[in-house]
Amino acid sequence: MPTTKQRITITATGDIKEILAVEARLHPDLAPSELVAMLIRRGHLADDSVGHGRADLVRALAGGVEYPVGYLQTLRDEWPD
């Protein structure tokens, strides 16, 4: 598709191929280009030199699931003693 935006080519070999395979299993709804964009954003958030740190990355990735009150205790009650 024609675009005026910069395109970047990445060859999926070696560790890049393995990383993309793992991410594709974790995010089967994303196209390869979307996986690459997601990984770039994560890497940027994790890079302390750009003013972000591990805590920012954790906050960005956390909170995807809200558990009901008492959920943890319910799990503990199911564990054998």
PDB file of N, CA and C in Angstrom:
ATOM      1  N   MET A   1       0.841  -1.163   0.000  1.00  0.00           N
ATOM      2  CA  MET A   1       0.000   0.000   0.000  1.00  0.00           C
ATOM      3  C   MET A   1       0.896   1.239   0.000  1.00  0.00           C
ATOM      4  N   PRO A   2       0.644   2.182  -0.883  1.00  0.00           N
ATOM      5  CA  PRO A   2       1.457   3.399  -0.946  1.00  0.00           C
ATOM      6  C   PRO A   2       1.336   4.215   0.345  1.00  0.00           C
ATOM      7  N   THR A   3       2.467   4.780   0.747  1.00  0.00           N
ATOM      8  CA  THR A   3       2.483   5.629   1.932  1.00  0.00           C
ATOM      9  C   THR A   3       3.625   6.616   1.836  1.00  0.00           C
ATOM     10  N   THR A   4       3.487   7.731   2.511  1.00  0.00           N
ATOM     11  CA  THR A   4       4.580   8.701   2.578  1.00  0.00           C
ATOM     12  C   THR A   4       5.388   8.499   3.857  1.00  0.00           C
ATOM     13  N   LYS A   5       4.933   7.576   4.709  1.00  0.00           N
ATOM     14  CA  LYS A   5       5.625   7.312   5.968  1.00  0.00           C
ATOM     15  C   LYS A   5       6.819   6.398   5.736  1.00  0.00           C
ATOM     16  N   GLN A   6       7.832   6.551   6.596  1.00  0.00           N
ATOM     17  CA  GLN A   6       9.029   5.720   6.496  1.00  0.00           C
ATOM     18  C   GLN A   6       8.693   4.264   6.760  1.00  0.00           C
ATOM     19  N   ARG A   7       9.236   3.375   5.945  1.00  0.00           N
ATOM     20  CA  ARG A   7       9.098   1.941   6.165  1.00  0.00           C
ATOM     21  C   ARG A   7      10.452   1.400   6.591  1.00  0.00           C
ATOM     22  N   ILE A   8      10.411   0.393   7.457  1.00  0.00           N
ATOM     23  CA  ILE A   8      11.631  -0.214   7.976  1.00  0.00           C
ATOM     24  C   ILE A   8      11.554  -1.711   7.699  1.00  0.00           C
ATOM     25  N   THR A   9      12.630  -2.264   7.167  1.00  0.00           N
ATOM     26  CA  THR A   9      12.664  -3.692   6.881  1.00  0.00           C
ATOM     27  C   THR A   9      13.488  -4.405   7.940  1.00  0.00           C
ATOM     28  N   ILE A  10      12.920  -5.466   8.496  1.00  0.00           N
ATOM     29  CA  ILE A  10      13.624  -6.287   9.473  1.00  0.00           C
ATOM     30  C   ILE A  10      13.549  -7.729   8.997  1.00  0.00           C
ATOM     31  N   THR A  11      14.695  -8.380   8.920  1.00  0.00           N
ATOM     32  CA  THR A  11      14.727  -9.783   8.521  1.00  0.00           C
ATOM     33  C   THR A  11      14.637 -10.650   9.771  1.00  0.00           C
ATOM     34  N   ALA A  12      13.677 -11.535   9.790  1.00  0.00           N
ATOM     35  CA  ALA A  12      13.442 -12.392  10.957  1.00  0.00           C
ATOM     36  C   ALA A  12      14.370 -13.599  10.901  1.00  0.00           C
ATOM     37  N   THR A  13      15.561 -13.426  11.444  1.00  0.00           N
ATOM     38  CA  THR A  13      16.526 -14.514  11.525  1.00  0.00           C
ATOM     39  C   THR A  13      17.041 -14.614  12.954  1.00  0.00           C
ATOM     40  N   GLY A  14      17.550 -15.777  13.305  1.00  0.00           N
ATOM     41  CA  GLY A  14      18.173 -15.974  14.611  1.00  0.00           C
ATOM     42  C   GLY A  14      17.268 -15.623  15.767  1.00  0.00           C
ATOM     43  N   ASP A  15      17.811 -14.787  16.685  1.00  0.00           N
ATOM     44  CA  ASP A  15      17.050 -14.461  17.889  1.00  0.00           C
ATOM     45  C   ASP A  15      15.812 -13.618  17.572  1.00  0.00           C
ATOM     46  N   ILE A  16      15.852 -12.811  16.517  1.00  0.00           N
ATOM     47  CA  ILE A  16      14.679 -12.015  16.129  1.00  0.00           C
ATOM     48  C   ILE A  16      13.533 -12.951  15.739  1.00  0.00           C
ATOM     49  N   LYS A  17      13.858 -13.995  15.003  1.00  0.00           N
ATOM     50  CA  LYS A  17      12.842 -14.963  14.603  1.00  0.00           C
ATOM     51  C   LYS A  17      12.234 -15.648  15.826  1.00  0.00           C
ATOM     52  N   GLU A  18      13.082 -16.024  16.785  1.00  0.00           N
ATOM     53  CA  GLU A  18      12.604 -16.679  18.006  1.00  0.00           C
ATOM     54  C   GLU A  18      11.731 -15.741  18.841  1.00  0.00           C
ATOM     55  N   ILE A  19      12.159 -14.499  18.988  1.00  0.00           N
ATOM     56  CA  ILE A  19      11.389 -13.516  19.762  1.00  0.00           C
ATOM     57  C   ILE A  19      10.023 -13.306  19.129  1.00  0.00           C
ATOM     58  N   LEU A  20       9.990 -13.145  17.816  1.00  0.00           N
ATOM     59  CA  LEU A  20       8.715 -12.936  17.131  1.00  0.00           C
ATOM     60  C   LEU A  20       7.806 -14.161  17.246  1.00  0.00           C
ATOM     61  N   ALA A  21       8.384 -15.351  17.231  1.00  0.00           N
ATOM     62  CA  ALA A  21       7.582 -16.573  17.368  1.00  0.00           C
ATOM     63  C   ALA A  21       6.929 -16.637  18.747  1.00  0.00           C
ATOM     64  N   VAL A  22       7.702 -16.291  19.778  1.00  0.00           N
ATOM     65  CA  VAL A  22       7.159 -16.292  21.141  1.00  0.00           C
ATOM     66  C   VAL A  22       6.047 -15.254  21.261  1.00  0.00           C
ATOM     67  N   GLU A  23       6.307 -14.050  20.766  1.00  0.00           N
ATOM     68  CA  GLU A  23       5.309 -12.981  20.856  1.00  0.00           C
ATOM     69  C   GLU A  23       4.055 -13.314  20.044  1.00  0.00           C
ATOM     70  N   ALA A  24       4.220 -13.996  18.919  1.00  0.00           N
ATOM     71  CA  ALA A  24       3.068 -14.378  18.096  1.00  0.00           C
ATOM     72  C   ALA A  24       2.178 -15.364  18.846  1.00  0.00           C
ATOM     73  N   ARG A  25       2.799 -16.252  19.647  1.00  0.00           N
ATOM     74  CA  ARG A  25       1.995 -17.183  20.455  1.00  0.00           C
ATOM     75  C   ARG A  25       1.278 -16.443  21.582  1.00  0.00           C
ATOM     76  N   LEU A  26       1.926 -15.430  22.146  1.00  0.00           N
ATOM     77  CA  LEU A  26       1.327 -14.661  23.233  1.00  0.00           C
ATOM     78  C   LEU A  26       0.244 -13.697  22.744  1.00  0.00           C
ATOM     79  N   HIS A  27       0.402 -13.228  21.509  1.00  0.00           N
ATOM     80  CA  HIS A  27      -0.519 -12.242  20.935  1.00  0.00           C
ATOM     81  C   HIS A  27      -0.949 -12.688  19.531  1.00  0.00           C
ATOM     82  N   PRO A  28      -1.725 -13.780  19.442  1.00  0.00           N
ATOM     83  CA  PRO A  28      -2.076 -14.318  18.118  1.00  0.00           C
ATOM     84  C   PRO A  28      -2.948 -13.383  17.281  1.00  0.00           C
ATOM     85  N   ASP A  29      -3.531 -12.371  17.903  1.00  0.00           N
ATOM     86  CA  ASP A  29      -4.397 -11.442  17.184  1.00  0.00           C
ATOM     87  C   ASP A  29      -3.618 -10.329  16.485  1.00  0.00           C
ATOM     88  N   LEU A  30      -2.307 -10.232  16.733  1.00  0.00           N
ATOM     89  CA  LEU A  30      -1.513  -9.159  16.146  1.00  0.00           C
ATOM     90  C   LEU A  30      -0.754  -9.627  14.909  1.00  0.00           C
ATOM     91  N   ALA A  31      -0.707  -8.763  13.910  1.00  0.00           N
ATOM     92  CA  ALA A  31       0.090  -9.014  12.704  1.00  0.00           C
ATOM     93  C   ALA A  31       1.570  -8.853  13.056  1.00  0.00           C
ATOM     94  N   PRO A  32       2.471  -9.444  12.270  1.00  0.00           N
ATOM     95  CA  PRO A  32       3.899  -9.307  12.560  1.00  0.00           C
ATOM     96  C   PRO A  32       4.354  -7.847  12.702  1.00  0.00           C
ATOM     97  N   SER A  33       3.847  -6.965  11.859  1.00  0.00           N
ATOM     98  CA  SER A  33       4.251  -5.559  11.967  1.00  0.00           C
ATOM     99  C   SER A  33       3.765  -4.941  13.279  1.00  0.00           C
ATOM    100  N   GLU A  34       2.598  -5.369  13.750  1.00  0.00           N
ATOM    101  CA  GLU A  34       2.084  -4.871  15.029  1.00  0.00           C
ATOM    102  C   GLU A  34       2.905  -5.414  16.197  1.00  0.00           C
ATOM    103  N   LEU A  35       3.368  -6.662  16.079  1.00  0.00           N
ATOM    104  CA  LEU A  35       4.242  -7.235  17.106  1.00  0.00           C
ATOM    105  C   LEU A  35       5.534  -6.444  17.213  1.00  0.00           C
ATOM    106  N   VAL A  36       6.119  -6.129  16.063  1.00  0.00           N
ATOM    107  CA  VAL A  36       7.368  -5.368  16.050  1.00  0.00           C
ATOM    108  C   VAL A  36       7.149  -3.990  16.677  1.00  0.00           C
ATOM    109  N   ALA A  37       6.063  -3.319  16.325  1.00  0.00           N
ATOM    110  CA  ALA A  37       5.764  -2.009  16.897  1.00  0.00           C
ATOM    111  C   ALA A  37       5.596  -2.096  18.412  1.00  0.00           C
ATOM    112  N   MET A  38       4.903  -3.135  18.887  1.00  0.00           N
ATOM    113  CA  MET A  38       4.702  -3.333  20.319  1.00  0.00           C
ATOM    114  C   MET A  38       6.041  -3.527  21.031  1.00  0.00           C
ATOM    115  N   LEU A  39       6.917  -4.342  20.444  1.00  0.00           N
ATOM    116  CA  LEU A  39       8.216  -4.599  21.050  1.00  0.00           C
ATOM    117  C   LEU A  39       9.080  -3.341  21.079  1.00  0.00           C
ATOM    118  N   ILE A  40       8.986  -2.526  20.055  1.00  0.00           N
ATOM    119  CA  ILE A  40       9.732  -1.263  20.035  1.00  0.00           C
ATOM    120  C   ILE A  40       9.234  -0.356  21.158  1.00  0.00           C
ATOM    121  N   ARG A  41       7.908  -0.266  21.319  1.00  0.00           N
ATOM    122  CA  ARG A  41       7.364   0.570  22.402  1.00  0.00           C
ATOM    123  C   ARG A  41       7.812   0.060  23.768  1.00  0.00           C
ATOM    124  N   ARG A  42       7.768  -1.258  23.972  1.00  0.00           N
ATOM    125  CA  ARG A  42       8.207  -1.832  25.249  1.00  0.00           C
ATOM    126  C   ARG A  42       9.681  -1.526  25.502  1.00  0.00           C
ATOM    127  N   GLY A  43      10.484  -1.701  24.480  1.00  0.00           N
ATOM    128  CA  GLY A  43      11.914  -1.424  24.623  1.00  0.00           C
ATOM    129  C   GLY A  43      12.167   0.033  24.964  1.00  0.00           C
ATOM    130  N   HIS A  44      11.414   0.919  24.351  1.00  0.00           N
ATOM    131  CA  HIS A  44      11.564   2.342  24.627  1.00  0.00           C
ATOM    132  C   HIS A  44      11.198   2.656  26.076  1.00  0.00           C
ATOM    133  N   LEU A  45      10.102   2.067  26.551  1.00  0.00           N
ATOM    134  CA  LEU A  45       9.691   2.286  27.940  1.00  0.00           C
ATOM    135  C   LEU A  45      10.722   1.742  28.926  1.00  0.00           C
ATOM    136  N   ALA A  46      11.381   0.658  28.556  1.00  0.00           N
ATOM    137  CA  ALA A  46      12.328   0.010  29.456  1.00  0.00           C
ATOM    138  C   ALA A  46      13.702   0.678  29.452  1.00  0.00           C
ATOM    139  N   ASP A  47      13.949   1.558  28.506  1.00  0.00           N
ATOM    140  CA  ASP A  47      15.254   2.194  28.359  1.00  0.00           C
ATOM    141  C   ASP A  47      15.386   3.361  29.333  1.00  0.00           C
ATOM    142  N   ASP A  48      16.196   3.204  30.367  1.00  0.00           N
ATOM    143  CA  ASP A  48      16.377   4.247  31.372  1.00  0.00           C
ATOM    144  C   ASP A  48      16.974   5.519  30.784  1.00  0.00           C
ATOM    145  N   SER A  49      17.705   5.419  29.685  1.00  0.00           N
ATOM    146  CA  SER A  49      18.354   6.603  29.125  1.00  0.00           C
ATOM    147  C   SER A  49      17.375   7.586  28.499  1.00  0.00           C
ATOM    148  N   VAL A  50      16.131   7.163  28.239  1.00  0.00           N
ATOM    149  CA  VAL A  50      15.141   8.078  27.669  1.00  0.00           C
ATOM    150  C   VAL A  50      14.195   8.613  28.738  1.00  0.00           C
ATOM    151  N   GLY A  51      14.565   8.430  29.995  1.00  0.00           N
ATOM    152  CA  GLY A  51      13.765   8.987  31.076  1.00  0.00           C
ATOM    153  C   GLY A  51      12.671   8.070  31.579  1.00  0.00           C
ATOM    154  N   HIS A  52      12.641   6.867  31.088  1.00  0.00           N
ATOM    155  CA  HIS A  52      11.684   5.886  31.568  1.00  0.00           C
ATOM    156  C   HIS A  52      12.468   4.801  32.283  1.00  0.00           C
ATOM    157  N   GLY A  53      11.807   4.042  33.071  1.00  0.00           N
ATOM    158  CA  GLY A  53      12.495   2.976  33.772  1.00  0.00           C
ATOM    159  C   GLY A  53      11.644   1.745  33.887  1.00  0.00           C
ATOM    160  N   ARG A  54      12.168   0.799  34.631  1.00  0.00           N
ATOM    161  CA  ARG A  54      11.461  -0.462  34.811  1.00  0.00           C
ATOM    162  C   ARG A  54      10.086  -0.240  35.434  1.00  0.00           C
ATOM    163  N   ALA A  55      10.000   0.664  36.386  1.00  0.00           N
ATOM    164  CA  ALA A  55       8.716   0.918  37.043  1.00  0.00           C
ATOM    165  C   ALA A  55       7.677   1.416  36.040  1.00  0.00           C
ATOM    166  N   ASP A  56       8.096   2.290  35.103  1.00  0.00           N
ATOM    167  CA  ASP A  56       7.181   2.773  34.073  1.00  0.00           C
ATOM    168  C   ASP A  56       6.710   1.630  33.184  1.00  0.00           C
ATOM    169  N   LEU A  57       7.629   0.734  32.842  1.00  0.00           N
ATOM    170  CA  LEU A  57       7.276  -0.409  32.004  1.00  0.00           C
ATOM    171  C   LEU A  57       6.283  -1.315  32.722  1.00  0.00           C
ATOM    172  N   VAL A  58       6.541  -1.593  33.981  1.00  0.00           N
ATOM    173  CA  VAL A  58       5.634  -2.446  34.744  1.00  0.00           C
ATOM    174  C   VAL A  58       4.251  -1.808  34.809  1.00  0.00           C
ATOM    175  N   ARG A  59       4.188  -0.498  35.094  1.00  0.00           N
ATOM    176  CA  ARG A  59       2.898   0.192  35.135  1.00  0.00           C
ATOM    177  C   ARG A  59       2.193   0.132  33.789  1.00  0.00           C
ATOM    178  N   ALA A  60       2.941   0.270  32.698  1.00  0.00           N
ATOM    179  CA  ALA A  60       2.339   0.245  31.362  1.00  0.00           C
ATOM    180  C   ALA A  60       1.764  -1.118  31.012  1.00  0.00           C
ATOM    181  N   LEU A  61       2.400  -2.176  31.504  1.00  0.00           N
ATOM    182  CA  LEU A  61       1.973  -3.525  31.158  1.00  0.00           C
ATOM    183  C   LEU A  61       1.014  -4.128  32.176  1.00  0.00           C
ATOM    184  N   ALA A  62       0.926  -3.541  33.352  1.00  0.00           N
ATOM    185  CA  ALA A  62       0.103  -4.099  34.423  1.00  0.00           C
ATOM    186  C   ALA A  62      -1.335  -3.603  34.331  1.00  0.00           C
ATOM    187  N   GLY A  63      -2.171  -4.231  35.124  1.00  0.00           N
ATOM    188  CA  GLY A  63      -3.545  -3.762  35.253  1.00  0.00           C
ATOM    189  C   GLY A  63      -4.482  -4.232  34.168  1.00  0.00           C
ATOM    190  N   GLY A  64      -4.087  -5.251  33.435  1.00  0.00           N
ATOM    191  CA  GLY A  64      -4.945  -5.737  32.368  1.00  0.00           C
ATOM    192  C   GLY A  64      -6.146  -6.520  32.859  1.00  0.00           C
ATOM    193  N   VAL A  65      -6.065  -7.011  34.087  1.00  0.00           N
ATOM    194  CA  VAL A  65      -7.147  -7.836  34.624  1.00  0.00           C
ATOM    195  C   VAL A  65      -7.511  -7.310  36.012  1.00  0.00           C
ATOM    196  N   GLU A  66      -8.786  -7.122  36.254  1.00  0.00           N
ATOM    197  CA  GLU A  66      -9.245  -6.749  37.588  1.00  0.00           C
ATOM    198  C   GLU A  66      -9.881  -7.984  38.229  1.00  0.00           C
ATOM    199  N   TYR A  67      -9.353  -8.369  39.381  1.00  0.00           N
ATOM    200  CA  TYR A  67      -9.854  -9.541  40.087  1.00  0.00           C
ATOM    201  C   TYR A  67     -10.896  -9.109  41.114  1.00  0.00           C
ATOM    202  N   PRO A  68     -11.908  -9.928  41.345  1.00  0.00           N
ATOM    203  CA  PRO A  68     -12.934  -9.568  42.329  1.00  0.00           C
ATOM    204  C   PRO A  68     -12.374  -9.599  43.752  1.00  0.00           C
ATOM    205  N   VAL A  69     -13.014  -8.865  44.629  1.00  0.00           N
ATOM    206  CA  VAL A  69     -12.627  -8.839  46.030  1.00  0.00           C
ATOM    207  C   VAL A  69     -12.686 -10.270  46.571  1.00  0.00           C
ATOM    208  N   GLY A  70     -11.649 -10.661  47.290  1.00  0.00           N
ATOM    209  CA  GLY A  70     -11.602 -11.991  47.878  1.00  0.00           C
ATOM    210  C   GLY A  70     -11.068 -13.077  46.960  1.00  0.00           C
ATOM    211  N   TYR A  71     -10.668 -12.718  45.751  1.00  0.00           N
ATOM    212  CA  TYR A  71     -10.200 -13.704  44.777  1.00  0.00           C
ATOM    213  C   TYR A  71      -8.984 -14.478  45.291  1.00  0.00           C
ATOM    214  N   LEU A  72      -8.008 -13.751  45.830  1.00  0.00           N
ATOM    215  CA  LEU A  72      -6.794 -14.402  46.305  1.00  0.00           C
ATOM    216  C   LEU A  72      -7.096 -15.367  47.456  1.00  0.00           C
ATOM    217  N   GLN A  73      -7.963 -14.954  48.384  1.00  0.00           N
ATOM    218  CA  GLN A  73      -8.314 -15.829  49.498  1.00  0.00           C
ATOM    219  C   GLN A  73      -9.032 -17.080  48.996  1.00  0.00           C
ATOM    220  N   THR A  74      -9.876 -16.927  47.991  1.00  0.00           N
ATOM    221  CA  THR A  74     -10.571 -18.077  47.407  1.00  0.00           C
ATOM    222  C   THR A  74      -9.570 -19.068  46.831  1.00  0.00           C
ATOM    223  N   LEU A  75      -8.547 -18.559  46.149  1.00  0.00           N
ATOM    224  CA  LEU A  75      -7.496 -19.440  45.625  1.00  0.00           C
ATOM    225  C   LEU A  75      -6.769 -20.159  46.752  1.00  0.00           C
ATOM    226  N   ARG A  76      -6.425 -19.414  47.783  1.00  0.00           N
ATOM    227  CA  ARG A  76      -5.724 -20.023  48.906  1.00  0.00           C
ATOM    228  C   ARG A  76      -6.553 -21.105  49.577  1.00  0.00           C
ATOM    229  N   ASP A  77      -7.853 -20.861  49.680  1.00  0.00           N
ATOM    230  CA  ASP A  77      -8.738 -21.856  50.306  1.00  0.00           C
ATOM    231  C   ASP A  77      -8.793 -23.157  49.505  1.00  0.00           C
ATOM    232  N   GLU A  78      -8.535 -23.090  48.209  1.00  0.00           N
ATOM    233  CA  GLU A  78      -8.563 -24.279  47.362  1.00  0.00           C
ATOM    234  C   GLU A  78      -7.285 -25.103  47.470  1.00  0.00           C
ATOM    235  N   TRP A  79      -6.193 -24.513  47.962  1.00  0.00           N
ATOM    236  CA  TRP A  79      -4.929 -25.225  48.058  1.00  0.00           C
ATOM    237  C   TRP A  79      -4.973 -26.235  49.188  1.00  0.00           C
ATOM    238  N   PRO A  80      -4.384 -27.390  48.957  1.00  0.00           N
ATOM    239  CA  PRO A  80      -4.337 -28.379  50.045  1.00  0.00           C
ATOM    240  C   PRO A  80      -3.375 -27.908  51.131  1.00  0.00           C
ATOM    241  N   ASP A  81      -3.647 -28.305  52.370  1.00  0.00           N
ATOM    242  CA  ASP A  81      -2.776 -27.916  53.493  1.00  0.00           C
ATOM    243  C   ASP A  81      -1.543 -28.730  53.569  1.00  0.00           C
TER     244      ASP A  81
END
